[in-house]
Amino acid sequence: MQKAKILAVAWFLSLSVSPAGYAAEKSPDMPDGVHVKEVTTPGGPVEVLADSDGMTLYTFDMDRDPGKSVCTGQCGVLWPALMASEDAEDQGPWTIVIRPDGERLWAYHGKPLYTFVRDKAVAHFNGNGLPQDNPVWHCALPM
């Protein structure tokens, strides 16, 4: 049943949305600035995680080891990480990942979080399901 729900949400997220379909809400257990936003798709509203600017957050299937980010170099240019401040601390399902270069980024349930440079407005989630032939990027969904 859970897999069917995830597949239905993934299908909804593959559709385009209208900027007017954006709303944000903050949960008390989230890091500062991170919030849940609702995007309106032709199939109905879908909640996704967003950064402080309202931009969609994504997870990367290649981040297989909990608490470890493999998106570096050119990947990191196209998919900037959700950075954590020096004084940020783990908060329940929200944990800090420290890369070998010392960068600190947020992870949700062990999965590092990223934005996508081709998302230009808060209603965008252009990175969901990329690449089309072998999708490894997905909108981060609140659990």
C-alpha atoms as a PDB file:
ATOM      1  CA  MET A   1       0.000   0.000   0.000  1.00  0.00           C
ATOM      2  CA  GLN A   2       2.819   2.427   0.922  1.00  0.00           C
ATOM      3  CA  LYS A   3       4.565   1.700  -2.404  1.00  0.00           C
ATOM      4  CA  ALA A   4       1.328   2.442  -4.281  1.00  0.00           C
ATOM      5  CA  LYS A   5       0.998   5.746  -2.427  1.00  0.00           C
ATOM      6  CA  ILE A   6       4.603   6.699  -3.260  1.00  0.00           C
ATOM      7  CA  LEU A   7       4.081   5.791  -6.917  1.00  0.00           C
ATOM      8  CA  ALA A   8       0.887   7.870  -7.042  1.00  0.00           C
ATOM      9  CA  VAL A   9       2.669  10.850  -5.501  1.00  0.00           C
ATOM     10  CA  ALA A  10       5.587  10.414  -7.922  1.00  0.00           C
ATOM     11  CA  TRP A  11       3.146  10.424 -10.835  1.00  0.00           C
ATOM     12  CA  PHE A  12       1.493  13.604  -9.539  1.00  0.00           C
ATOM     13  CA  LEU A  13       4.884  15.239  -9.132  1.00  0.00           C
ATOM     14  CA  SER A  14       5.797  14.453 -12.722  1.00  0.00           C
ATOM     15  CA  LEU A  15       3.045  16.834 -13.826  1.00  0.00           C
ATOM     16  CA  SER A  16       3.476  20.587 -14.108  1.00  0.00           C
ATOM     17  CA  VAL A  17       2.116  22.940 -11.466  1.00  0.00           C
ATOM     18  CA  SER A  18       0.912  26.483 -11.297  1.00  0.00           C
ATOM     19  CA  PRO A  19       2.789  29.020  -9.113  1.00  0.00           C
ATOM     20  CA  ALA A  20      -0.585  29.892  -7.598  1.00  0.00           C
ATOM     21  CA  GLY A  21      -0.681  26.391  -6.111  1.00  0.00           C
ATOM     22  CA  TYR A  22       2.057  27.109  -3.575  1.00  0.00           C
ATOM     23  CA  ALA A  23       1.498  27.259   0.162  1.00  0.00           C
ATOM     24  CA  ALA A  24       4.015  26.765   2.972  1.00  0.00           C
ATOM     25  CA  GLU A  25       3.840  25.515   6.524  1.00  0.00           C
ATOM     26  CA  LYS A  26       6.609  25.018   9.083  1.00  0.00           C
ATOM     27  CA  SER A  27       6.780  22.031  11.373  1.00  0.00           C
ATOM     28  CA  PRO A  28       8.386  22.608  14.766  1.00  0.00           C
ATOM     29  CA  ASP A  29      10.796  19.667  14.365  1.00  0.00           C
ATOM     30  CA  MET A  30      12.322  20.967  11.119  1.00  0.00           C
ATOM     31  CA  PRO A  31      15.556  22.942  10.802  1.00  0.00           C
ATOM     32  CA  ASP A  32      15.179  26.717  10.488  1.00  0.00           C
ATOM     33  CA  GLY A  33      13.850  27.675   7.075  1.00  0.00           C
ATOM     34  CA  VAL A  34      12.827  24.176   5.989  1.00  0.00           C
ATOM     35  CA  HIS A  35       9.118  23.712   5.560  1.00  0.00           C
ATOM     36  CA  VAL A  36       6.434  21.688   3.830  1.00  0.00           C
ATOM     37  CA  LYS A  37       4.923  23.254   0.763  1.00  0.00           C
ATOM     38  CA  GLU A  38       1.922  22.149  -1.181  1.00  0.00           C
ATOM     39  CA  VAL A  39       2.065  22.096  -4.951  1.00  0.00           C
ATOM     40  CA  THR A  40      -1.079  21.796  -6.982  1.00  0.00           C
ATOM     41  CA  THR A  41      -0.989  19.258  -9.767  1.00  0.00           C
ATOM     42  CA  PRO A  42      -3.767  18.302 -12.170  1.00  0.00           C
ATOM     43  CA  GLY A  43      -4.225  15.216  -9.980  1.00  0.00           C
ATOM     44  CA  GLY A  44      -4.551  17.245  -6.783  1.00  0.00           C
ATOM     45  CA  PRO A  45      -2.329  18.786  -4.130  1.00  0.00           C
ATOM     46  CA  VAL A  46       0.947  17.138  -3.106  1.00  0.00           C
ATOM     47  CA  GLU A  47       3.133  18.090  -0.136  1.00  0.00           C
ATOM     48  CA  VAL A  48       6.911  18.271  -0.614  1.00  0.00           C
ATOM     49  CA  LEU A  49       9.788  19.643   1.451  1.00  0.00           C
ATOM     50  CA  ALA A  50      11.201  23.059   0.592  1.00  0.00           C
ATOM     51  CA  ASP A  51      14.125  25.238   1.660  1.00  0.00           C
ATOM     52  CA  SER A  52      13.884  28.723   3.182  1.00  0.00           C
ATOM     53  CA  ASP A  53      13.405  30.242  -0.290  1.00  0.00           C
ATOM     54  CA  GLY A  54      10.510  27.897  -1.021  1.00  0.00           C
ATOM     55  CA  MET A  55      12.516  25.832  -3.497  1.00  0.00           C
ATOM     56  CA  THR A  56      11.778  22.118  -3.741  1.00  0.00           C
ATOM     57  CA  LEU A  57      14.153  19.732  -1.974  1.00  0.00           C
ATOM     58  CA  TYR A  58      15.266  16.443  -3.498  1.00  0.00           C
ATOM     59  CA  THR A  59      16.863  13.142  -2.509  1.00  0.00           C
ATOM     60  CA  PHE A  60      19.384  11.208  -4.602  1.00  0.00           C
ATOM     61  CA  ASP A  61      19.134   7.396  -4.892  1.00  0.00           C
ATOM     62  CA  MET A  62      22.939   7.129  -5.179  1.00  0.00           C
ATOM     63  CA  ASP A  63      23.211   8.352  -1.561  1.00  0.00           C
ATOM     64  CA  ARG A  64      22.894   4.745  -0.413  1.00  0.00           C
ATOM     65  CA  ASP A  65      24.713   4.969   2.909  1.00  0.00           C
ATOM     66  CA  PRO A  66      22.686   6.838   5.544  1.00  0.00           C
ATOM     67  CA  GLY A  67      24.311  10.107   6.456  1.00  0.00           C
ATOM     68  CA  LYS A  68      26.654  10.165   3.464  1.00  0.00           C
ATOM     69  CA  SER A  69      26.523  12.390   0.356  1.00  0.00           C
ATOM     70  CA  VAL A  70      28.037  11.249  -2.928  1.00  0.00           C
ATOM     71  CA  CYS A  71      26.804  14.240  -4.946  1.00  0.00           C
ATOM     72  CA  THR A  72      30.015  16.242  -5.343  1.00  0.00           C
ATOM     73  CA  GLY A  73      31.854  18.007  -8.169  1.00  0.00           C
ATOM     74  CA  GLN A  74      29.603  18.719 -11.166  1.00  0.00           C
ATOM     75  CA  CYS A  75      26.725  16.921  -9.434  1.00  0.00           C
ATOM     76  CA  GLY A  76      27.003  19.400  -6.569  1.00  0.00           C
ATOM     77  CA  VAL A  77      26.901  22.313  -9.020  1.00  0.00           C
ATOM     78  CA  LEU A  78      23.617  21.131 -10.585  1.00  0.00           C
ATOM     79  CA  TRP A  79      22.192  19.871  -7.279  1.00  0.00           C
ATOM     80  CA  PRO A  80      23.310  22.238  -4.488  1.00  0.00           C
ATOM     81  CA  ALA A  81      23.086  20.696  -1.032  1.00  0.00           C
ATOM     82  CA  LEU A  82      20.857  22.092   1.704  1.00  0.00           C
ATOM     83  CA  MET A  83      23.642  23.494   3.843  1.00  0.00           C
ATOM     84  CA  ALA A  84      23.580  23.392   7.641  1.00  0.00           C
ATOM     85  CA  SER A  85      25.071  26.128   9.808  1.00  0.00           C
ATOM     86  CA  GLU A  86      28.124  25.497  11.980  1.00  0.00           C
ATOM     87  CA  ASP A  87      25.974  25.430  15.112  1.00  0.00           C
ATOM     88  CA  ALA A  88      23.208  23.222  13.672  1.00  0.00           C
ATOM     89  CA  GLU A  89      22.515  20.002  15.561  1.00  0.00           C
ATOM     90  CA  ASP A  90      20.580  16.829  14.764  1.00  0.00           C
ATOM     91  CA  GLN A  91      16.812  17.172  15.329  1.00  0.00           C
ATOM     92  CA  GLY A  92      14.984  13.850  15.315  1.00  0.00           C
ATOM     93  CA  PRO A  93      14.792  12.651  11.698  1.00  0.00           C
ATOM     94  CA  TRP A  94      16.898  15.669  10.636  1.00  0.00           C
ATOM     95  CA  THR A  95      20.623  14.970  10.841  1.00  0.00           C
ATOM     96  CA  ILE A  96      23.839  16.670   9.810  1.00  0.00           C
ATOM     97  CA  VAL A  97      26.030  15.097   7.122  1.00  0.00           C
ATOM     98  CA  ILE A  98      29.654  16.178   7.027  1.00  0.00           C
ATOM     99  CA  ARG A  99      31.439  15.741   3.719  1.00  0.00           C
ATOM    100  CA  PRO A 100      35.187  15.005   3.535  1.00  0.00           C
ATOM    101  CA  ASP A 101      35.758  18.682   2.624  1.00  0.00           C
ATOM    102  CA  GLY A 102      34.063  19.705   5.889  1.00  0.00           C
ATOM    103  CA  GLU A 103      30.814  20.992   4.345  1.00  0.00           C
ATOM    104  CA  ARG A 104      27.792  20.426   6.586  1.00  0.00           C
ATOM    105  CA  LEU A 105      24.449  19.617   5.010  1.00  0.00           C
ATOM    106  CA  TRP A 106      21.044  18.480   6.179  1.00  0.00           C
ATOM    107  CA  ALA A 107      19.687  14.984   5.731  1.00  0.00           C
ATOM    108  CA  TYR A 108      16.125  13.833   6.361  1.00  0.00           C
ATOM    109  CA  HIS A 109      15.758  10.227   7.553  1.00  0.00           C
ATOM    110  CA  GLY A 110      19.407   9.720   6.567  1.00  0.00           C
ATOM    111  CA  LYS A 111      18.999  11.043   3.007  1.00  0.00           C
ATOM    112  CA  PRO A 112      20.952  14.230   2.174  1.00  0.00           C
ATOM    113  CA  LEU A 113      18.817  17.008   0.691  1.00  0.00           C
ATOM    114  CA  TYR A 114      19.459  19.069  -2.423  1.00  0.00           C
ATOM    115  CA  THR A 115      17.874  21.760  -4.578  1.00  0.00           C
ATOM    116  CA  PHE A 116      18.019  21.804  -8.391  1.00  0.00           C
ATOM    117  CA  VAL A 117      19.482  24.689 -10.398  1.00  0.00           C
ATOM    118  CA  ARG A 118      16.810  24.399 -13.085  1.00  0.00           C
ATOM    119  CA  ASP A 119      14.020  25.131 -10.590  1.00  0.00           C
ATOM    120  CA  LYS A 120      13.470  28.865 -11.045  1.00  0.00           C
ATOM    121  CA  ALA A 121      10.244  29.377  -9.062  1.00  0.00           C
ATOM    122  CA  VAL A 122       8.782  27.957  -5.859  1.00  0.00           C
ATOM    123  CA  ALA A 123       6.195  25.909  -7.748  1.00  0.00           C
ATOM    124  CA  HIS A 124       8.875  24.097  -9.775  1.00  0.00           C
ATOM    125  CA  PHE A 125       9.987  20.530  -9.190  1.00  0.00           C
ATOM    126  CA  ASN A 126      11.787  20.022 -12.512  1.00  0.00           C
ATOM    127  CA  GLY A 127      14.301  17.634 -10.964  1.00  0.00           C
ATOM    128  CA  ASN A 128      11.770  15.015  -9.961  1.00  0.00           C
ATOM    129  CA  GLY A 129      12.255  11.749 -11.838  1.00  0.00           C
ATOM    130  CA  LEU A 130      15.542  12.679 -13.513  1.00  0.00           C
ATOM    131  CA  PRO A 131      17.034  11.322 -15.601  1.00  0.00           C
ATOM    132  CA  GLN A 132      13.980  10.051 -17.411  1.00  0.00           C
ATOM    133  CA  ASP A 133      15.606   6.787 -18.500  1.00  0.00           C
ATOM    134  CA  ASN A 134      16.730   5.894 -14.955  1.00  0.00           C
ATOM    135  CA  PRO A 135      15.199   8.214 -12.351  1.00  0.00           C
ATOM    136  CA  VAL A 136      17.480   8.704  -9.333  1.00  0.00           C
ATOM    137  CA  TRP A 137      16.305  12.186  -8.203  1.00  0.00           C
ATOM    138  CA  HIS A 138      13.032  12.535  -6.299  1.00  0.00           C
ATOM    139  CA  CYS A 139      11.170  15.271  -4.491  1.00  0.00           C
ATOM    140  CA  ALA A 140      11.708  14.946  -0.766  1.00  0.00           C
ATOM    141  CA  LEU A 141       8.367  14.040   0.789  1.00  0.00           C
ATOM    142  CA  PRO A 142       7.453  14.692   4.424  1.00  0.00           C
ATOM    143  CA  MET A 143       6.896  11.477   6.369  1.00  0.00           C
END
